[in-house]
C-alpha atoms as a PDB file:
ATOM      1  CA  MET A   1      62.977 114.504  99.530  1.00  0.00           C
ATOM      2  CA  ARG A   2      65.484 114.493  96.677  1.00  0.00           C
ATOM      3  CA  PRO A   3      67.668 111.357  96.705  1.00  0.00           C
ATOM      4  CA  ARG A   4      71.405 111.508  96.075  1.00  0.00           C
ATOM      5  CA  SER A   5      73.578 109.169  94.083  1.00  0.00           C
ATOM      6  CA  GLY A   6      74.556 106.352  96.432  1.00  0.00           C
ATOM      7  CA  ASP A   7      71.588 106.648  98.809  1.00  0.00           C
ATOM      8  CA  LEU A   8      70.113 103.289  99.823  1.00  0.00           C
ATOM      9  CA  VAL A   9      66.390 102.871  99.235  1.00  0.00           C
ATOM     10  CA  LEU A  10      63.804 100.203 100.019  1.00  0.00           C
ATOM     11  CA  ALA A  11      61.607  99.685  96.958  1.00  0.00           C
ATOM     12  CA  ARG A  12      58.860  97.357  95.742  1.00  0.00           C
ATOM     13  CA  VAL A  13      58.870  95.692  92.316  1.00  0.00           C
ATOM     14  CA  THR A  14      55.740  96.829  90.453  1.00  0.00           C
ATOM     15  CA  ARG A  15      56.421  95.589  86.899  1.00  0.00           C
ATOM     16  CA  LEU A  16      59.049  93.218  85.568  1.00  0.00           C
ATOM     17  CA  GLY A  17      61.080  94.363  82.598  1.00  0.00           C
ATOM     18  CA  HIS A  18      64.630  93.899  81.357  1.00  0.00           C
ATOM     19  CA  HIS A  19      66.211  93.043  84.705  1.00  0.00           C
ATOM     20  CA  ARG A  20      64.464  90.054  86.243  1.00  0.00           C
ATOM     21  CA  HIS A  21      67.289  89.129  88.627  1.00  0.00           C
ATOM     22  CA  ILE A  22      69.107  90.975  91.325  1.00  0.00           C
ATOM     23  CA  GLU A  23      72.481  90.252  92.866  1.00  0.00           C
ATOM     24  CA  GLN A  24      72.633  89.221  96.476  1.00  0.00           C
ATOM     25  CA  PRO A  25      75.588  90.178  98.696  1.00  0.00           C
ATOM     26  CA  ASN A  26      77.124  86.725  98.127  1.00  0.00           C
ATOM     27  CA  GLY A  27      76.916  87.098  94.355  1.00  0.00           C
ATOM     28  CA  ARG A  28      73.915  84.839  93.758  1.00  0.00           C
ATOM     29  CA  ARG A  29      71.416  86.207  91.261  1.00  0.00           C
ATOM     30  CA  ALA A  30      68.008  86.082  92.887  1.00  0.00           C
ATOM     31  CA  VAL A  31      64.907  85.867  90.689  1.00  0.00           C
ATOM     32  CA  LEU A  32      62.603  88.843  91.066  1.00  0.00           C
ATOM     33  CA  HIS A  33      58.812  88.622  91.375  1.00  0.00           C
ATOM     34  CA  LEU A  34      56.086  91.217  91.465  1.00  0.00           C
ATOM     35  CA  ASP A  35      55.723  92.874  94.906  1.00  0.00           C
ATOM     36  CA  ASP A  36      59.189  91.751  96.032  1.00  0.00           C
ATOM     37  CA  GLU A  37      60.876  94.296  98.250  1.00  0.00           C
ATOM     38  CA  ILE A  38      64.489  95.079  97.464  1.00  0.00           C
ATOM     39  CA  ILE A  39      67.120  97.424  98.855  1.00  0.00           C
ATOM     40  CA  VAL A  40      68.985  99.151  96.063  1.00  0.00           C
ATOM     41  CA  THR A  41      70.962 102.342  95.658  1.00  0.00           C
ATOM     42  CA  TYR A  42      70.347 105.405  93.547  1.00  0.00           C
ATOM     43  CA  GLY A  43      72.826 106.057  90.778  1.00  0.00           C
ATOM     44  CA  ASP A  44      73.195 107.376  87.245  1.00  0.00           C
ATOM     45  CA  ARG A  45      73.838 104.785  84.557  1.00  0.00           C
ATOM     46  CA  TYR A  46      75.597 104.915  81.191  1.00  0.00           C
ATOM     47  CA  ALA A  47      75.347 101.692  79.198  1.00  0.00           C
ATOM     48  CA  THR A  48      75.278 101.900  75.416  1.00  0.00           C
ATOM     49  CA  ASP A  49      73.751  98.435  75.139  1.00  0.00           C
ATOM     50  CA  GLN A  50      71.085  99.049  77.811  1.00  0.00           C
ATOM     51  CA  PHE A  51      70.107 102.341  79.462  1.00  0.00           C
ATOM     52  CA  GLU A  52      71.118 105.871  80.112  1.00  0.00           C
ATOM     53  CA  SER A  53      69.493 106.975  83.343  1.00  0.00           C
ATOM     54  CA  ARG A  54      69.657 109.661  85.996  1.00  0.00           C
ATOM     55  CA  VAL A  55      68.968 109.823  89.700  1.00  0.00           C
ATOM     56  CA  PRO A  56      65.372 111.126  89.928  1.00  0.00           C
ATOM     57  CA  ASP A  57      64.396 114.350  91.624  1.00  0.00           C
ATOM     58  CA  SER A  58      62.032 112.670  94.089  1.00  0.00           C
ATOM     59  CA  LEU A  59      61.178 109.369  95.751  1.00  0.00           C
ATOM     60  CA  GLY A  60      58.514 108.658  93.152  1.00  0.00           C
ATOM     61  CA  ARG A  61      58.207 105.638  90.892  1.00  0.00           C
ATOM     62  CA  THR A  62      61.450 104.806  89.068  1.00  0.00           C
ATOM     63  CA  GLU A  63      63.301 101.920  87.406  1.00  0.00           C
ATOM     64  CA  LEU A  64      65.820  99.191  88.182  1.00  0.00           C
ATOM     65  CA  VAL A  65      68.558  99.818  85.588  1.00  0.00           C
ATOM     66  CA  ALA A  66      71.237  97.305  86.653  1.00  0.00           C
ATOM     67  CA  SER A  67      71.057  93.895  88.277  1.00  0.00           C
ATOM     68  CA  GLY A  68      73.698  95.081  90.735  1.00  0.00           C
ATOM     69  CA  GLY A  69      70.901  97.182  92.218  1.00  0.00           C
ATOM     70  CA  ILE A  70      70.746 100.665  90.739  1.00  0.00           C
ATOM     71  CA  ALA A  71      67.557 102.720  91.013  1.00  0.00           C
ATOM     72  CA  SER A  72      67.364 105.430  88.399  1.00  0.00           C
ATOM     73  CA  HIS A  73      65.106 107.169  85.915  1.00  0.00           C
ATOM     74  CA  VAL A  74      65.611 105.982  82.330  1.00  0.00           C
ATOM     75  CA  ILE A  75      66.431 108.715  79.801  1.00  0.00           C
ATOM     76  CA  SER A  76      67.019 106.449  76.830  1.00  0.00           C
ATOM     77  CA  ARG A  77      67.416 102.746  76.094  1.00  0.00           C
ATOM     78  CA  SER A  78      68.948 100.574  73.419  1.00  0.00           C
ATOM     79  CA  GLN A  79      66.451  98.851  71.161  1.00  0.00           C
ATOM     80  CA  ALA A  80      68.284  95.644  72.024  1.00  0.00           C
ATOM     81  CA  VAL A  81      66.672  95.522  75.474  1.00  0.00           C
ATOM     82  CA  HIS A  82      63.164  95.586  76.890  1.00  0.00           C
ATOM     83  CA  THR A  83      61.854  98.417  78.994  1.00  0.00           C
ATOM     84  CA  ALA A  84      63.278  98.576  82.484  1.00  0.00           C
ATOM     85  CA  THR A  85      61.808  96.856  85.521  1.00  0.00           C
ATOM     86  CA  GLN A  86      59.601  99.309  87.419  1.00  0.00           C
ATOM     87  CA  ILE A  87      60.060  99.847  91.138  1.00  0.00           C
ATOM     88  CA  LEU A  88      58.215 101.976  93.678  1.00  0.00           C
ATOM     89  CA  PRO A  89      60.386 103.395  96.467  1.00  0.00           C
ATOM     90  CA  VAL A  90      59.039 102.886  99.982  1.00  0.00           C
ATOM     91  CA  GLY A  91      61.647 105.058 101.656  1.00  0.00           C
ATOM     92  CA  LEU A  92      65.334 105.741 102.103  1.00  0.00           C
ATOM     93  CA  ILE A  93      67.291 103.487 104.450  1.00  0.00           C
ATOM     94  CA  GLY A  94      68.576 105.465 107.404  1.00  0.00           C
ATOM     95  CA  ASP A  95      70.767 105.039 110.442  1.00  0.00           C
ATOM     96  CA  ASP A  96      69.551 105.178 114.043  1.00  0.00           C
ATOM     97  CA  ARG A  97      69.529 108.977 113.843  1.00  0.00           C
ATOM     98  CA  GLY A  98      67.394 108.998 110.737  1.00  0.00           C
ATOM     99  CA  ARG A  99      70.213 110.064 108.444  1.00  0.00           C
ATOM    100  CA  PRO A 100      69.997 108.431 104.980  1.00  0.00           C
ATOM    101  CA  LEU A 101      72.716 105.828 104.466  1.00  0.00           C
ATOM    102  CA  ASN A 102      74.889 106.240 101.401  1.00  0.00           C
ATOM    103  CA  VAL A 103      77.409 103.941  99.720  1.00  0.00           C
ATOM    104  CA  MET A 104      80.063 106.527 100.603  1.00  0.00           C
ATOM    105  CA  ASP A 105      79.470 105.704 104.284  1.00  0.00           C
ATOM    106  CA  PHE A 106      80.984 102.272 103.651  1.00  0.00           C
ATOM    107  CA  ALA A 107      83.983 103.371 101.596  1.00  0.00           C
ATOM    108  CA  LEU A 108      87.432 102.101 102.461  1.00  0.00           C
ATOM    109  CA  ASP A 109      89.607 104.566 104.309  1.00  0.00           C
ATOM    110  CA  PRO A 110      92.460 105.895 102.154  1.00  0.00           C
ATOM    111  CA  VAL A 111      95.876 104.319 102.734  1.00  0.00           C
ATOM    112  CA  VAL A 112      99.393 105.598 102.159  1.00  0.00           C
ATOM    113  CA  PRO A 113     101.589 102.789 100.827  1.00  0.00           C
ATOM    114  CA  THR A 114     105.161 102.796 102.068  1.00  0.00           C
ATOM    115  CA  ARG A 115     106.347 100.547  99.247  1.00  0.00           C
ATOM    116  CA  THR A 116     106.980 101.548  95.683  1.00  0.00           C
ATOM    117  CA  ARG A 117     103.983 101.301  93.388  1.00  0.00           C
ATOM    118  CA  PRO A 118     104.340  98.213  91.170  1.00  0.00           C
ATOM    119  CA  PRO A 119     103.729  98.355  87.409  1.00  0.00           C
ATOM    120  CA  THR A 120     100.208  99.641  86.926  1.00  0.00           C
ATOM    121  CA  ILE A 121      98.520  98.780  83.650  1.00  0.00           C
ATOM    122  CA  ALA A 122      95.238 100.180  82.365  1.00  0.00           C
ATOM    123  CA  VAL A 123      92.970  98.023  80.214  1.00  0.00           C
ATOM    124  CA  LEU A 124      90.855 100.187  77.933  1.00  0.00           C
ATOM    125  CA  GLY A 125      88.569  99.442  75.023  1.00  0.00           C
ATOM    126  CA  THR A 126      86.445 100.733  72.192  1.00  0.00           C
ATOM    127  CA  ALA A 127      83.159 100.305  74.071  1.00  0.00           C
ATOM    128  CA  MET A 128      81.216  97.984  76.357  1.00  0.00           C
ATOM    129  CA  ASN A 129      81.753  94.293  75.661  1.00  0.00           C
ATOM    130  CA  SER A 130      84.952  94.801  73.703  1.00  0.00           C
ATOM    131  CA  GLY A 131      86.833  92.276  75.867  1.00  0.00           C
ATOM    132  CA  LYS A 132      88.342  94.407  78.646  1.00  0.00           C
ATOM    133  CA  THR A 133      87.196  92.268  81.567  1.00  0.00           C
ATOM    134  CA  THR A 134      88.233  89.073  79.794  1.00  0.00           C
ATOM    135  CA  THR A 135      91.664  90.572  79.192  1.00  0.00           C
ATOM    136  CA  VAL A 136      92.172  91.391  82.869  1.00  0.00           C
ATOM    137  CA  ARG A 137      90.737  88.071  83.985  1.00  0.00           C
ATOM    138  CA  TYR A 138      93.136  85.949  81.945  1.00  0.00           C
ATOM    139  CA  LEU A 139      96.134  88.086  82.824  1.00  0.00           C
ATOM    140  CA  VAL A 140      95.239  87.668  86.505  1.00  0.00           C
ATOM    141  CA  ASN A 141      94.721  83.938  86.121  1.00  0.00           C
ATOM    142  CA  GLY A 142      98.032  83.329  84.369  1.00  0.00           C
ATOM    143  CA  LEU A 143     100.034  85.430  86.817  1.00  0.00           C
ATOM    144  CA  SER A 144      98.380  84.040  89.925  1.00  0.00           C
ATOM    145  CA  ARG A 145      98.962  80.450  88.839  1.00  0.00           C
ATOM    146  CA  VAL A 146     102.716  80.963  89.168  1.00  0.00           C
ATOM    147  CA  GLY A 147     102.486  82.927  92.414  1.00  0.00           C
ATOM    148  CA  ILE A 148     102.653  86.480  91.094  1.00  0.00           C
ATOM    149  CA  ARG A 149     100.344  88.654  93.185  1.00  0.00           C
ATOM    150  CA  ALA A 150      98.133  90.434  90.684  1.00  0.00           C
ATOM    151  CA  GLY A 151      95.895  93.162  92.059  1.00  0.00           C
ATOM    152  CA  ALA A 152      92.875  94.127  89.990  1.00  0.00           C
ATOM    153  CA  ALA A 153      90.511  97.070  90.075  1.00  0.00           C
ATOM    154  CA  LYS A 154      87.662  98.467  88.052  1.00  0.00           C
ATOM    155  CA  ALA A 155      87.940 102.232  88.144  1.00  0.00           C
ATOM    156  CA  THR A 156      84.652 103.303  86.565  1.00  0.00           C
ATOM    157  CA  GLY A 157      81.206 101.951  85.722  1.00  0.00           C
ATOM    158  CA  THR A 158      77.945 101.055  87.427  1.00  0.00           C
ATOM    159  CA  GLY A 159      77.768  98.878  90.522  1.00  0.00           C
ATOM    160  CA  SER A 160      77.576  95.208  89.597  1.00  0.00           C
ATOM    161  CA  GLY A 161      79.234  92.161  91.065  1.00  0.00           C
ATOM    162  CA  ASN A 162      80.038  90.245  87.880  1.00  0.00           C
ATOM    163  CA  ASP A 163      83.501  91.638  87.312  1.00  0.00           C
ATOM    164  CA  TYR A 164      84.336  91.567  90.998  1.00  0.00           C
ATOM    165  CA  TRP A 165      83.572  87.889  91.450  1.00  0.00           C
ATOM    166  CA  CYS A 166      85.195  86.713  88.225  1.00  0.00           C
ATOM    167  CA  MET A 167      88.496  88.393  89.176  1.00  0.00           C
ATOM    168  CA  LEU A 168      88.476  86.667  92.544  1.00  0.00           C
ATOM    169  CA  ASP A 169      87.723  83.371  90.821  1.00  0.00           C
ATOM    170  CA  ALA A 170      90.675  84.013  88.500  1.00  0.00           C
ATOM    171  CA  GLY A 171      92.967  84.315  91.515  1.00  0.00           C
ATOM    172  CA  ALA A 172      93.311  88.062  92.033  1.00  0.00           C
ATOM    173  CA  HIS A 173      95.490  88.901  95.015  1.00  0.00           C
ATOM    174  CA  ARG A 174      93.198  91.872  95.713  1.00  0.00           C
ATOM    175  CA  MET A 175      90.110  93.000  93.814  1.00  0.00           C
ATOM    176  CA  LEU A 176      88.442  96.358  94.241  1.00  0.00           C
ATOM    177  CA  ASP A 177      86.105  98.550  92.292  1.00  0.00           C
ATOM    178  CA  PHE A 178      84.664 102.039  92.509  1.00  0.00           C
ATOM    179  CA  THR A 179      82.002 100.897  94.975  1.00  0.00           C
ATOM    180  CA  ASP A 180      84.780 100.133  97.468  1.00  0.00           C
ATOM    181  CA  VAL A 181      85.709 103.816  97.455  1.00  0.00           C
ATOM    182  CA  GLY A 182      82.141 105.068  97.704  1.00  0.00           C
ATOM    183  CA  PHE A 183      80.567 105.286  94.230  1.00  0.00           C
ATOM    184  CA  SER A 184      77.424 103.413  93.228  1.00  0.00           C
ATOM    185  CA  SER A 185      78.161 104.690  89.713  1.00  0.00           C
ATOM    186  CA  THR A 186      80.884 106.919  88.323  1.00  0.00           C
ATOM    187  CA  TYR A 187      78.684 108.368  85.571  1.00  0.00           C
ATOM    188  CA  ARG A 188      78.469 112.181  85.832  1.00  0.00           C
ATOM    189  CA  GLN A 189      80.849 112.338  88.779  1.00  0.00           C
ATOM    190  CA  PRO A 190      83.220 115.358  88.893  1.00  0.00           C
ATOM    191  CA  LEU A 191      86.720 114.752  87.522  1.00  0.00           C
ATOM    192  CA  SER A 192      88.317 115.754  90.826  1.00  0.00           C
ATOM    193  CA  GLN A 193      86.363 112.984  92.567  1.00  0.00           C
ATOM    194  CA  LEU A 194      87.227 110.451  89.873  1.00  0.00           C
ATOM    195  CA  GLU A 195      90.917 111.314  90.157  1.00  0.00           C
ATOM    196  CA  ARG A 196      90.924 111.109  93.942  1.00  0.00           C
ATOM    197  CA  LYS A 197      89.120 107.778  94.035  1.00  0.00           C
ATOM    198  CA  PHE A 198      91.238 106.370  91.230  1.00  0.00           C
ATOM    199  CA  ARG A 199      94.366 107.157  93.214  1.00  0.00           C
ATOM    200  CA  GLU A 200      92.828 105.536  96.284  1.00  0.00           C
ATOM    201  CA  LEU A 201      92.160 102.320  94.351  1.00  0.00           C
ATOM    202  CA  VAL A 202      95.741 102.161  93.093  1.00  0.00           C
ATOM    203  CA  ASP A 203      97.064 102.922  96.592  1.00  0.00           C
ATOM    204  CA  HIS A 204      95.011 100.088  98.055  1.00  0.00           C
ATOM    205  CA  LEU A 205      96.304  97.602  95.500  1.00  0.00           C
ATOM    206  CA  THR A 206      99.872  98.737  96.155  1.00  0.00           C
ATOM    207  CA  TYR A 207      99.341  98.652  99.908  1.00  0.00           C
ATOM    208  CA  SER A 208      98.045  95.080  99.666  1.00  0.00           C
ATOM    209  CA  GLY A 209     101.394  93.889  98.320  1.00  0.00           C
ATOM    210  CA  SER A 210     100.453  93.283  94.702  1.00  0.00           C
ATOM    211  CA  LEU A 211     103.336  92.883  92.243  1.00  0.00           C
ATOM    212  CA  VAL A 212     101.311  94.304  89.385  1.00  0.00           C
ATOM    213  CA  ASN A 213      98.146  96.417  89.340  1.00  0.00           C
ATOM    214  CA  LEU A 214      95.657  95.801  86.518  1.00  0.00           C
ATOM    215  CA  VAL A 215      93.012  98.509  86.241  1.00  0.00           C
ATOM    216  CA  GLU A 216      89.998  98.233  83.965  1.00  0.00           C
ATOM    217  CA  VAL A 217      88.309 101.425  82.835  1.00  0.00           C
ATOM    218  CA  ALA A 218      84.704 100.882  81.778  1.00  0.00           C
ATOM    219  CA  ASP A 219      83.016 101.711  78.480  1.00  0.00           C
ATOM    220  CA  GLY A 220      84.921 103.124  75.513  1.00  0.00           C
ATOM    221  CA  ILE A 221      87.583 105.785  75.333  1.00  0.00           C
ATOM    222  CA  TYR A 222      85.045 108.310  74.009  1.00  0.00           C
ATOM    223  CA  GLN A 223      82.733 107.902  77.007  1.00  0.00           C
ATOM    224  CA  ASP A 224      82.812 111.148  78.977  1.00  0.00           C
ATOM    225  CA  GLU A 225      84.339 109.975  82.268  1.00  0.00           C
ATOM    226  CA  THR A 226      86.865 107.767  80.509  1.00  0.00           C
ATOM    227  CA  SER A 227      87.812 110.555  78.126  1.00  0.00           C
ATOM    228  CA  ARG A 228      88.336 113.008  80.981  1.00  0.00           C
ATOM    229  CA  LEU A 229      90.423 110.501  82.912  1.00  0.00           C
ATOM    230  CA  LEU A 230      92.636 109.896  79.888  1.00  0.00           C
ATOM    231  CA  ASP A 231      93.331 113.628  79.743  1.00  0.00           C
ATOM    232  CA  SER A 232      94.013 113.754  83.470  1.00  0.00           C
ATOM    233  CA  ALA A 233      97.532 114.307  84.790  1.00  0.00           C
ATOM    234  CA  VAL A 234      96.700 112.051  87.751  1.00  0.00           C
ATOM    235  CA  PHE A 235      95.794 109.167  85.454  1.00  0.00           C
ATOM    236  CA  HIS A 236      98.915 109.726  83.361  1.00  0.00           C
ATOM    237  CA  ASP A 237     101.029 109.726  86.506  1.00  0.00           C
ATOM    238  CA  LEU A 238      99.641 106.427  87.809  1.00  0.00           C
ATOM    239  CA  ILE A 239      99.530 104.406  84.580  1.00  0.00           C
ATOM    240  CA  ASP A 240     102.679 102.776  83.185  1.00  0.00           C
ATOM    241  CA  GLY A 241     101.148 101.093  80.168  1.00  0.00           C
ATOM    242  CA  VAL A 242      97.912 100.379  78.343  1.00  0.00           C
ATOM    243  CA  ILE A 243      96.386  97.280  76.758  1.00  0.00           C
ATOM    244  CA  PHE A 244      93.554  98.045  74.347  1.00  0.00           C
ATOM    245  CA  ALA A 245      90.604  95.715  73.690  1.00  0.00           C
ATOM    246  CA  ALA A 246      88.653  96.003  70.450  1.00  0.00           C
ATOM    247  CA  PRO A 247      86.095  94.060  68.415  1.00  0.00           C
ATOM    248  CA  ASP A 248      87.826  94.619  65.063  1.00  0.00           C
ATOM    249  CA  ALA A 249      91.046  95.854  63.485  1.00  0.00           C
ATOM    250  CA  MET A 250      89.672  99.286  62.641  1.00  0.00           C
ATOM    251  CA  GLY A 251      88.647  99.878  66.250  1.00  0.00           C
ATOM    252  CA  ALA A 252      92.013  98.662  67.508  1.00  0.00           C
ATOM    253  CA  THR A 253      93.917 100.924  65.137  1.00  0.00           C
ATOM    254  CA  ALA A 254      91.858 104.001  65.962  1.00  0.00           C
ATOM    255  CA  GLY A 255      92.071 103.372  69.693  1.00  0.00           C
ATOM    256  CA  ILE A 256      95.805 102.750  69.740  1.00  0.00           C
ATOM    257  CA  SER A 257      96.418 105.845  67.624  1.00  0.00           C
ATOM    258  CA  HIS A 258      94.304 107.961  69.979  1.00  0.00           C
ATOM    259  CA  LEU A 259      96.091 106.674  73.063  1.00  0.00           C
ATOM    260  CA  GLN A 260      99.523 107.203  71.551  1.00  0.00           C
ATOM    261  CA  GLN A 261      98.588 110.777  70.657  1.00  0.00           C
ATOM    262  CA  LEU A 262      97.694 111.281  74.324  1.00  0.00           C
ATOM    263  CA  GLY A 263     101.143 110.044  75.267  1.00  0.00           C
ATOM    264  CA  TYR A 264     100.357 106.610  76.644  1.00  0.00           C
ATOM    265  CA  ASN A 265     102.701 103.655  76.432  1.00  0.00           C
ATOM    266  CA  THR A 266     100.607 101.184  74.439  1.00  0.00           C
ATOM    267  CA  LEU A 267     101.658  97.592  75.080  1.00  0.00           C
ATOM    268  CA  ALA A 268      99.306  95.288  73.201  1.00  0.00           C
ATOM    269  CA  VAL A 269      95.909  94.731  71.620  1.00  0.00           C
ATOM    270  CA  SER A 270      93.388  92.180  72.889  1.00  0.00           C
ATOM    271  CA  GLY A 271      89.648  91.667  72.952  1.00  0.00           C
ATOM    272  CA  MET A 272      86.902  90.354  70.745  1.00  0.00           C
ATOM    273  CA  LEU A 273      88.893  90.689  67.517  1.00  0.00           C
ATOM    274  CA  THR A 274      91.183  87.862  68.590  1.00  0.00           C
ATOM    275  CA  ARG A 275      88.385  85.397  67.781  1.00  0.00           C
ATOM    276  CA  SER A 276      89.221  86.025  64.124  1.00  0.00           C
ATOM    277  CA  PRO A 277      92.772  85.207  62.948  1.00  0.00           C
ATOM    278  CA  LEU A 278      92.294  87.540  59.993  1.00  0.00           C
ATOM    279  CA  ALA A 279      91.150  90.437  62.163  1.00  0.00           C
ATOM    280  CA  ALA A 280      94.035  89.813  64.568  1.00  0.00           C
ATOM    281  CA  HIS A 281      96.489  89.850  61.671  1.00  0.00           C
ATOM    282  CA  GLU A 282      95.063  93.120  60.362  1.00  0.00           C
ATOM    283  CA  ALA A 283      95.320  94.726  63.806  1.00  0.00           C
ATOM    284  CA  GLU A 284      98.876  93.534  64.341  1.00  0.00           C
ATOM    285  CA  LYS A 285      99.921  94.874  60.949  1.00  0.00           C
ATOM    286  CA  ALA A 286      98.230  98.235  61.460  1.00  0.00           C
ATOM    287  CA  THR A 287      99.242  98.899  65.084  1.00  0.00           C
ATOM    288  CA  HIS A 288     102.679  97.201  65.099  1.00  0.00           C
ATOM    289  CA  LEU A 289     101.761  95.787  68.489  1.00  0.00           C
ATOM    290  CA  PRO A 290     101.298  92.209  69.697  1.00  0.00           C
ATOM    291  CA  VAL A 291      97.695  91.006  69.492  1.00  0.00           C
ATOM    292  CA  LEU A 292      97.085  88.669  72.411  1.00  0.00           C
ATOM    293  CA  LYS A 293      94.558  85.858  72.461  1.00  0.00           C
ATOM    294  CA  ILE A 294      93.232  84.405  75.691  1.00  0.00           C
ATOM    295  CA  GLU A 295      95.855  81.676  75.870  1.00  0.00           C
ATOM    296  CA  GLN A 296      98.609  84.243  75.361  1.00  0.00           C
ATOM    297  CA  LEU A 297      97.215  86.542  78.045  1.00  0.00           C
ATOM    298  CA  ARG A 298      97.298  83.566  80.392  1.00  0.00           C
ATOM    299  CA  ASP A 299     100.879  82.608  79.422  1.00  0.00           C
ATOM    300  CA  VAL A 300     103.098  84.205  82.064  1.00  0.00           C
ATOM    301  CA  THR A 301     106.183  83.938  79.857  1.00  0.00           C
ATOM    302  CA  ILE A 302     104.415  86.435  77.575  1.00  0.00           C
ATOM    303  CA  SER A 303     102.472  88.552  80.078  1.00  0.00           C
ATOM    304  CA  ALA A 304     105.133  89.063  82.770  1.00  0.00           C
ATOM    305  CA  PRO A 305     107.745  90.747  80.547  1.00  0.00           C
ATOM    306  CA  LEU A 306     105.012  92.665  78.738  1.00  0.00           C
ATOM    307  CA  LEU A 307     103.697  94.075  82.037  1.00  0.00           C
ATOM    308  CA  GLY A 308     107.137  94.664  83.516  1.00  0.00           C
ATOM    309  CA  VAL A 309     106.724  92.056  86.250  1.00  0.00           C
ATOM    310  CA  PRO A 310     109.837  90.169  87.429  1.00  0.00           C
ATOM    311  CA  TYR A 311     109.295  86.512  86.713  1.00  0.00           C
ATOM    312  CA  SER A 312     111.342  83.564  87.817  1.00  0.00           C
ATOM    313  CA  PRO A 313     110.458  80.028  86.726  1.00  0.00           C
ATOM    314  CA  ALA A 314     111.484  78.947  90.211  1.00  0.00           C
ATOM    315  CA  GLY A 315     108.734  81.159  91.614  1.00  0.00           C
ATOM    316  CA  GLN A 316     110.979  83.150  93.941  1.00  0.00           C
ATOM    317  CA  TRP A 317     109.713  86.627  94.783  1.00  0.00           C
ATOM    318  CA  PRO A 318     110.443  88.638  97.908  1.00  0.00           C
ATOM    319  CA  GLU A 319     107.636  88.541 100.418  1.00  0.00           C
ATOM    320  CA  GLU A 320     106.948  92.184 101.045  1.00  0.00           C
ATOM    321  CA  LYS A 321     104.368  92.742 103.739  1.00  0.00           C
ATOM    322  CA  PRO A 322     102.133  95.782 103.322  1.00  0.00           C
ATOM    323  CA  LYS A 323     102.670  98.485 105.921  1.00  0.00           C
ATOM    324  CA  ASP A 324     100.796 101.553 106.962  1.00  0.00           C
ATOM    325  CA  ALA A 325     102.190 105.098 107.049  1.00  0.00           C
ATOM    326  CA  ALA A 326     103.755 104.444 110.475  1.00  0.00           C
ATOM    327  CA  GLY A 327     105.537 101.358 109.190  1.00  0.00           C
ATOM    328  CA  ASN A 328     103.296  98.858 110.947  1.00  0.00           C
ATOM    329  CA  ALA A 329     102.225  95.667 109.243  1.00  0.00           C
ATOM    330  CA  ALA A 330      98.788  95.966 107.727  1.00  0.00           C
ATOM    331  CA  ALA A 331      95.793  94.006 108.884  1.00  0.00           C
ATOM    332  CA  SER A 332      94.777  91.185 106.596  1.00  0.00           C
ATOM    333  CA  GLY A 333      91.348  92.509 105.771  1.00  0.00           C
ATOM    334  CA  ARG A 334      88.647  94.973 106.488  1.00  0.00           C
ATOM    335  CA  SER A 335      85.544  93.530 108.023  1.00  0.00           C
ATOM    336  CA  ARG A 336      83.257  96.463 107.421  1.00  0.00           C
ATOM    337  CA  ASN A 337      83.925  96.571 103.732  1.00  0.00           C
ATOM    338  CA  LYS A 338      80.626  96.411 101.922  1.00  0.00           C
ATOM    339  CA  ARG A 339      79.658  94.188  99.018  1.00  0.00           C
ATOM    340  CA  TYR A 340      77.288  94.255  97.391  1.00  0.00           C
ATOM    341  CA  LEU A 341      74.987  97.231  97.205  1.00  0.00           C
ATOM    342  CA  VAL A 342      71.866  95.282  96.565  1.00  0.00           C
ATOM    343  CA  HIS A 343      69.973  93.291  99.072  1.00  0.00           C
ATOM    344  CA  TYR A 344      67.062  91.139  98.321  1.00  0.00           C
ATOM    345  CA  ALA A 345      64.268  91.354 100.844  1.00  0.00           C
ATOM    346  CA  GLY A 346      61.921  88.901  99.157  1.00  0.00           C
ATOM    347  CA  THR A 347      58.322  89.517 100.120  1.00  0.00           C
ATOM    348  CA  ALA A 348      59.108  90.356 103.714  1.00  0.00           C
ATOM    349  CA  PRO A 349      57.113  93.372 104.894  1.00  0.00           C
ATOM    350  CA  THR A 350      60.149  95.199 106.301  1.00  0.00           C
ATOM    351  CA  ALA A 351      63.863  95.464 105.699  1.00  0.00           C
ATOM    352  CA  THR A 352      66.649  96.484 108.015  1.00  0.00           C
ATOM    353  CA  ALA A 353      69.476  98.939 107.560  1.00  0.00           C
ATOM    354  CA  THR A 354      71.987  96.256 108.463  1.00  0.00           C
ATOM    355  CA  ALA A 355      71.656  95.105 104.889  1.00  0.00           C
ATOM    356  CA  ALA A 356      73.940  97.935 103.876  1.00  0.00           C
ATOM    357  CA  GLY A 357      76.844  95.805 103.742  1.00  0.00           C
ATOM    358  CA  THR A 358      79.117  93.010 104.422  1.00  0.00           C
ATOM    359  CA  ARG A 359      80.843  90.831 101.977  1.00  0.00           C
END
């Protein structure tokens, strides 16, 4: 049988490599041991500092390529990491009819917001680890501390709970990522699917009553999915402004120039370069944009006007309840939402399909 991206699989750890932990549904990182049985999901991976991998053609021996629980066959790896942890699939996880379960089976249903979409800001960067997640996290934290409902989403990437949990810890009003709309990984997904799921994420944030939507796009702007999204009319239509994270002034200047040529409203520069006052000064001079350090991202008197969010020191904002298409008040949550893809079965001889998801 040929597995599909998103299929859940029970596998046994046969050799420990780079990933020696796996995320449990509650976010705890469980230590892996030889012969542990784990439930993971197939998916392609694109990570310049780790692996490029593809969903294999069969249920044969493969690798664990992300601690979030992605089974995939490694095509190439960075010399900065060890070889991948080896796993041996036991079989796909199926429902009571024997049909293989897929992450898409647990996707949120689309919603149609009846309120106007709030300012929606994309956070992009030069590459992995340029400071995108940190940028969103401190914006969320500053806004939430004064009562501004900041919704956050990660539109692309490979399933992993790190970003999800840190946004909740920062005070996000609503946090979603691509796994919530059915992807274990967005690598090599068709543009039409990426556009549709991106719109669904933004709709869910809007529907939840957020006053600003902050959307992180993984990897760098030259990564294939990110590049195609930036050229997409759907992405243009849903994004009101961009903050760009970079490790140095040259990267910031090149990225801002590229985004402006594509017609985006560039708002500010952030990221790793802000650790160096000299690099920040160079970037500010070259881009003619504010370069925001962590403390400035967290300062609502700076972030709110930058993002186009109404801000009152008295903390008075209208309480707008989310409604569905029929005008009914929305439910407060969704119990069958899954999180996270990976389930640690320890050394137990069997695993159950119920592991496919609650958060």
